[in-house]
Amino acid sequence: MLERFGPYLCYFDADTTGVEVFTEAGKPVGTEPDPDKIGALLEAFEERQAAGGE
């Protein structure tokens, strides 16, 4: 299942608890083992982007 969080897409696989997160352009953001912590993953990604990191 795909779910949108603003400019991010999250792929939820029914066979695992992990969630893969991508930008809407398809750039991988990361994988979060705990779906309740997606917000922290997105926050860390945005901080890296603001600092000019990959």
PDB file of N, CA and C in Angstrom:
ATOM      1  N   MET A   1       0.841  -1.163   0.000  1.00  0.00           N
ATOM      2  CA  MET A   1       0.000   0.000   0.000  1.00  0.00           C
ATOM      3  C   MET A   1       0.895   1.238   0.000  1.00  0.00           C
ATOM      4  N   LEU A   2       0.533   2.231  -0.776  1.00  0.00           N
ATOM      5  CA  LEU A   2       1.226   3.513  -0.783  1.00  0.00           C
ATOM      6  C   LEU A   2       0.407   4.535  -0.023  1.00  0.00           C
ATOM      7  N   GLU A   3       1.098   5.359   0.729  1.00  0.00           N
ATOM      8  CA  GLU A   3       0.436   6.452   1.436  1.00  0.00           C
ATOM      9  C   GLU A   3       1.283   7.701   1.257  1.00  0.00           C
ATOM     10  N   ARG A   4       0.624   8.819   1.043  1.00  0.00           N
ATOM     11  CA  ARG A   4       1.318  10.082   0.824  1.00  0.00           C
ATOM     12  C   ARG A   4       1.355  10.882   2.121  1.00  0.00           C
ATOM     13  N   PHE A   5       2.542  11.442   2.406  1.00  0.00           N
ATOM     14  CA  PHE A   5       2.733  12.378   3.516  1.00  0.00           C
ATOM     15  C   PHE A   5       3.352  13.625   2.906  1.00  0.00           C
ATOM     16  N   GLY A   6       2.528  14.557   2.463  1.00  0.00           N
ATOM     17  CA  GLY A   6       3.046  15.755   1.786  1.00  0.00           C
ATOM     18  C   GLY A   6       3.821  15.336   0.556  1.00  0.00           C
ATOM     19  N   PRO A   7       5.097  15.758   0.447  1.00  0.00           N
ATOM     20  CA  PRO A   7       5.887  15.413  -0.736  1.00  0.00           C
ATOM     21  C   PRO A   7       6.565  14.038  -0.650  1.00  0.00           C
ATOM     22  N   TYR A   8       6.116  13.188   0.277  1.00  0.00           N
ATOM     23  CA  TYR A   8       6.739  11.874   0.471  1.00  0.00           C
ATOM     24  C   TYR A   8       5.734  10.761   0.219  1.00  0.00           C
ATOM     25  N   LEU A   9       6.250   9.639  -0.273  1.00  0.00           N
ATOM     26  CA  LEU A   9       5.436   8.445  -0.477  1.00  0.00           C
ATOM     27  C   LEU A   9       5.988   7.346   0.417  1.00  0.00           C
ATOM     28  N   CYS A  10       5.104   6.669   1.109  1.00  0.00           N
ATOM     29  CA  CYS A  10       5.505   5.582   1.992  1.00  0.00           C
ATOM     30  C   CYS A  10       4.925   4.287   1.457  1.00  0.00           C
ATOM     31  N   TYR A  11       5.782   3.282   1.344  1.00  0.00           N
ATOM     32  CA  TYR A  11       5.360   1.966   0.875  1.00  0.00           C
ATOM     33  C   TYR A  11       5.278   1.030   2.067  1.00  0.00           C
ATOM     34  N   PHE A  12       4.075   0.588   2.349  1.00  0.00           N
ATOM     35  CA  PHE A  12       3.826  -0.349   3.440  1.00  0.00           C
ATOM     36  C   PHE A  12       3.660  -1.735   2.832  1.00  0.00           C
ATOM     37  N   ASP A  13       4.506  -2.680   3.246  1.00  0.00           N
ATOM     38  CA  ASP A  13       4.435  -4.062   2.777  1.00  0.00           C
ATOM     39  C   ASP A  13       3.706  -4.874   3.836  1.00  0.00           C
ATOM     40  N   ALA A  14       2.640  -5.537   3.459  1.00  0.00           N
ATOM     41  CA  ALA A  14       1.833  -6.299   4.412  1.00  0.00           C
ATOM     42  C   ALA A  14       2.605  -7.450   5.045  1.00  0.00           C
ATOM     43  N   ASP A  15       3.695  -7.880   4.415  1.00  0.00           N
ATOM     44  CA  ASP A  15       4.461  -9.005   4.938  1.00  0.00           C
ATOM     45  C   ASP A  15       5.537  -8.597   5.948  1.00  0.00           C
ATOM     46  N   THR A  16       5.779  -7.304   6.099  1.00  0.00           N
ATOM     47  CA  THR A  16       6.785  -6.819   7.041  1.00  0.00           C
ATOM     48  C   THR A  16       6.232  -5.628   7.812  1.00  0.00           C
ATOM     49  N   THR A  17       6.926  -5.251   8.874  1.00  0.00           N
ATOM     50  CA  THR A  17       6.507  -4.056   9.619  1.00  0.00           C
ATOM     51  C   THR A  17       7.236  -2.816   9.115  1.00  0.00           C
ATOM     52  N   GLY A  18       8.305  -2.997   8.333  1.00  0.00           N
ATOM     53  CA  GLY A  18       9.092  -1.871   7.846  1.00  0.00           C
ATOM     54  C   GLY A  18       8.357  -1.061   6.797  1.00  0.00           C
ATOM     55  N   VAL A  19       8.709   0.208   6.717  1.00  0.00           N
ATOM     56  CA  VAL A  19       8.106   1.125   5.756  1.00  0.00           C
ATOM     57  C   VAL A  19       9.232   1.778   4.955  1.00  0.00           C
ATOM     58  N   GLU A  20       9.150   1.687   3.628  1.00  0.00           N
ATOM     59  CA  GLU A  20      10.116   2.358   2.766  1.00  0.00           C
ATOM     60  C   GLU A  20       9.548   3.723   2.397  1.00  0.00           C
ATOM     61  N   VAL A  21      10.392   4.761   2.486  1.00  0.00           N
ATOM     62  CA  VAL A  21       9.938   6.120   2.246  1.00  0.00           C
ATOM     63  C   VAL A  21      10.756   6.723   1.112  1.00  0.00           C
ATOM     64  N   PHE A  22      10.060   7.404   0.179  1.00  0.00           N
ATOM     65  CA  PHE A  22      10.665   8.035  -0.988  1.00  0.00           C
ATOM     66  C   PHE A  22      10.111   9.445  -1.137  1.00  0.00           C
ATOM     67  N   THR A  23      10.875  10.303  -1.806  1.00  0.00           N
ATOM     68  CA  THR A  23      10.321  11.597  -2.194  1.00  0.00           C
ATOM     69  C   THR A  23       9.384  11.349  -3.360  1.00  0.00           C
ATOM     70  N   GLU A  24       8.534  12.309  -3.672  1.00  0.00           N
ATOM     71  CA  GLU A  24       7.627  12.119  -4.798  1.00  0.00           C
ATOM     72  C   GLU A  24       8.382  12.044  -6.126  1.00  0.00           C
ATOM     73  N   ALA A  25       9.649  12.470  -6.147  1.00  0.00           N
ATOM     74  CA  ALA A  25      10.488  12.350  -7.340  1.00  0.00           C
ATOM     75  C   ALA A  25      11.158  10.980  -7.423  1.00  0.00           C
ATOM     76  N   GLY A  26      10.988  10.148  -6.391  1.00  0.00           N
ATOM     77  CA  GLY A  26      11.530   8.804  -6.403  1.00  0.00           C
ATOM     78  C   GLY A  26      12.842   8.619  -5.667  1.00  0.00           C
ATOM     79  N   LYS A  27      13.359   9.674  -5.047  1.00  0.00           N
ATOM     80  CA  LYS A  27      14.615   9.567  -4.292  1.00  0.00           C
ATOM     81  C   LYS A  27      14.355   8.850  -2.970  1.00  0.00           C
ATOM     82  N   PRO A  28      15.135   7.804  -2.665  1.00  0.00           N
ATOM     83  CA  PRO A  28      14.934   7.104  -1.397  1.00  0.00           C
ATOM     84  C   PRO A  28      15.248   7.994  -0.196  1.00  0.00           C
ATOM     85  N   VAL A  29      14.380   7.980   0.789  1.00  0.00           N
ATOM     86  CA  VAL A  29      14.585   8.708   2.032  1.00  0.00           C
ATOM     87  C   VAL A  29      15.157   7.748   3.073  1.00  0.00           C
ATOM     88  N   GLY A  30      14.628   6.538   3.117  1.00  0.00           N
ATOM     89  CA  GLY A  30      15.103   5.535   4.055  1.00  0.00           C
ATOM     90  C   GLY A  30      14.019   4.524   4.371  1.00  0.00           C
ATOM     91  N   THR A  31      14.366   3.593   5.226  1.00  0.00           N
ATOM     92  CA  THR A  31      13.428   2.571   5.679  1.00  0.00           C
ATOM     93  C   THR A  31      13.292   2.693   7.189  1.00  0.00           C
ATOM     94  N   GLU A  32      12.070   2.675   7.636  1.00  0.00           N
ATOM     95  CA  GLU A  32      11.790   2.782   9.067  1.00  0.00           C
ATOM     96  C   GLU A  32      11.147   1.481   9.537  1.00  0.00           C
ATOM     97  N   PRO A  33      11.807   0.754  10.445  1.00  0.00           N
ATOM     98  CA  PRO A  33      11.241  -0.498  10.940  1.00  0.00           C
ATOM     99  C   PRO A  33       9.952  -0.316  11.741  1.00  0.00           C
ATOM    100  N   ASP A  34       9.775   0.851  12.355  1.00  0.00           N
ATOM    101  CA  ASP A  34       8.599   1.122  13.182  1.00  0.00           C
ATOM    102  C   ASP A  34       7.741   2.191  12.492  1.00  0.00           C
ATOM    103  N   PRO A  35       6.585   1.809  11.952  1.00  0.00           N
ATOM    104  CA  PRO A  35       5.742   2.776  11.245  1.00  0.00           C
ATOM    105  C   PRO A  35       5.361   4.005  12.063  1.00  0.00           C
ATOM    106  N   ASP A  36       5.370   3.889  13.382  1.00  0.00           N
ATOM    107  CA  ASP A  36       5.023   5.032  14.237  1.00  0.00           C
ATOM    108  C   ASP A  36       6.125   6.089  14.274  1.00  0.00           C
ATOM    109  N   LYS A  37       7.292   5.775  13.718  1.00  0.00           N
ATOM    110  CA  LYS A  37       8.424   6.700  13.767  1.00  0.00           C
ATOM    111  C   LYS A  37       8.773   7.290  12.401  1.00  0.00           C
ATOM    112  N   ILE A  38       7.841   7.249  11.463  1.00  0.00           N
ATOM    113  CA  ILE A  38       8.076   7.806  10.130  1.00  0.00           C
ATOM    114  C   ILE A  38       8.365   9.305  10.227  1.00  0.00           C
ATOM    115  N   GLY A  39       7.677   9.991  11.119  1.00  0.00           N
ATOM    116  CA  GLY A  39       7.882  11.424  11.289  1.00  0.00           C
ATOM    117  C   GLY A  39       9.322  11.763  11.620  1.00  0.00           C
ATOM    118  N   ALA A  40       9.942  10.970  12.479  1.00  0.00           N
ATOM    119  CA  ALA A  40      11.344  11.207  12.854  1.00  0.00           C
ATOM    120  C   ALA A  40      12.265  10.974  11.659  1.00  0.00           C
ATOM    121  N   LEU A  41      11.969   9.967  10.853  1.00  0.00           N
ATOM    122  CA  LEU A  41      12.754   9.699   9.648  1.00  0.00           C
ATOM    123  C   LEU A  41      12.666  10.876   8.680  1.00  0.00           C
ATOM    124  N   LEU A  42      11.462  11.392   8.470  1.00  0.00           N
ATOM    125  CA  LEU A  42      11.280  12.526   7.564  1.00  0.00           C
ATOM    126  C   LEU A  42      11.959  13.783   8.093  1.00  0.00           C
ATOM    127  N   GLU A  43      11.880  14.001   9.390  1.00  0.00           N
ATOM    128  CA  GLU A  43      12.524  15.174   9.997  1.00  0.00           C
ATOM    129  C   GLU A  43      14.042  15.110   9.814  1.00  0.00           C
ATOM    130  N   ALA A  44      14.630  13.948  10.040  1.00  0.00           N
ATOM    131  CA  ALA A  44      16.076  13.784   9.874  1.00  0.00           C
ATOM    132  C   ALA A  44      16.475  13.989   8.413  1.00  0.00           C
ATOM    133  N   PHE A  45      15.675  13.494   7.488  1.00  0.00           N
ATOM    134  CA  PHE A  45      15.954  13.664   6.059  1.00  0.00           C
ATOM    135  C   PHE A  45      15.910  15.147   5.691  1.00  0.00           C
ATOM    136  N   GLU A  46      14.893  15.852   6.153  1.00  0.00           N
ATOM    137  CA  GLU A  46      14.770  17.279   5.838  1.00  0.00           C
ATOM    138  C   GLU A  46      15.924  18.084   6.427  1.00  0.00           C
ATOM    139  N   GLU A  47      16.376  17.718   7.612  1.00  0.00           N
ATOM    140  CA  GLU A  47      17.532  18.406   8.220  1.00  0.00           C
ATOM    141  C   GLU A  47      18.794  18.178   7.386  1.00  0.00           C
ATOM    142  N   ARG A  48      18.974  16.939   6.892  1.00  0.00           N
ATOM    143  CA  ARG A  48      20.144  16.662   6.027  1.00  0.00           C
ATOM    144  C   ARG A  48      20.053  17.466   4.731  1.00  0.00           C
ATOM    145  N   GLN A  49      18.866  17.562   4.161  1.00  0.00           N
ATOM    146  CA  GLN A  49      18.687  18.307   2.921  1.00  0.00           C
ATOM    147  C   GLN A  49      18.958  19.800   3.134  1.00  0.00           C
ATOM    148  N   ALA A  50      18.495  20.335   4.256  1.00  0.00           N
ATOM    149  CA  ALA A  50      18.713  21.752   4.560  1.00  0.00           C
ATOM    150  C   ALA A  50      20.187  22.055   4.773  1.00  0.00           C
ATOM    151  N   ALA A  51      20.921  21.072   5.273  1.00  0.00           N
ATOM    152  CA  ALA A  51      22.353  21.259   5.525  1.00  0.00           C
ATOM    153  C   ALA A  51      23.177  20.996   4.263  1.00  0.00           C
ATOM    154  N   GLY A  52      22.501  20.623   3.161  1.00  0.00           N
ATOM    155  CA  GLY A  52      23.191  20.380   1.902  1.00  0.00           C
ATOM    156  C   GLY A  52      23.729  18.979   1.753  1.00  0.00           C
ATOM    157  N   GLY A  53      23.305  18.075   2.621  1.00  0.00           N
ATOM    158  CA  GLY A  53      23.760  16.688   2.558  1.00  0.00           C
ATOM    159  C   GLY A  53      22.880  15.852   1.668  1.00  0.00           C
ATOM    160  N   GLU A  54      23.346  14.659   1.411  1.00  0.00           N
ATOM    161  CA  GLU A  54      22.591  13.719   0.579  1.00  0.00           C
ATOM    162  C   GLU A  54      21.648  12.945   1.407  1.00  0.00           C
TER     163      GLU A  54
END
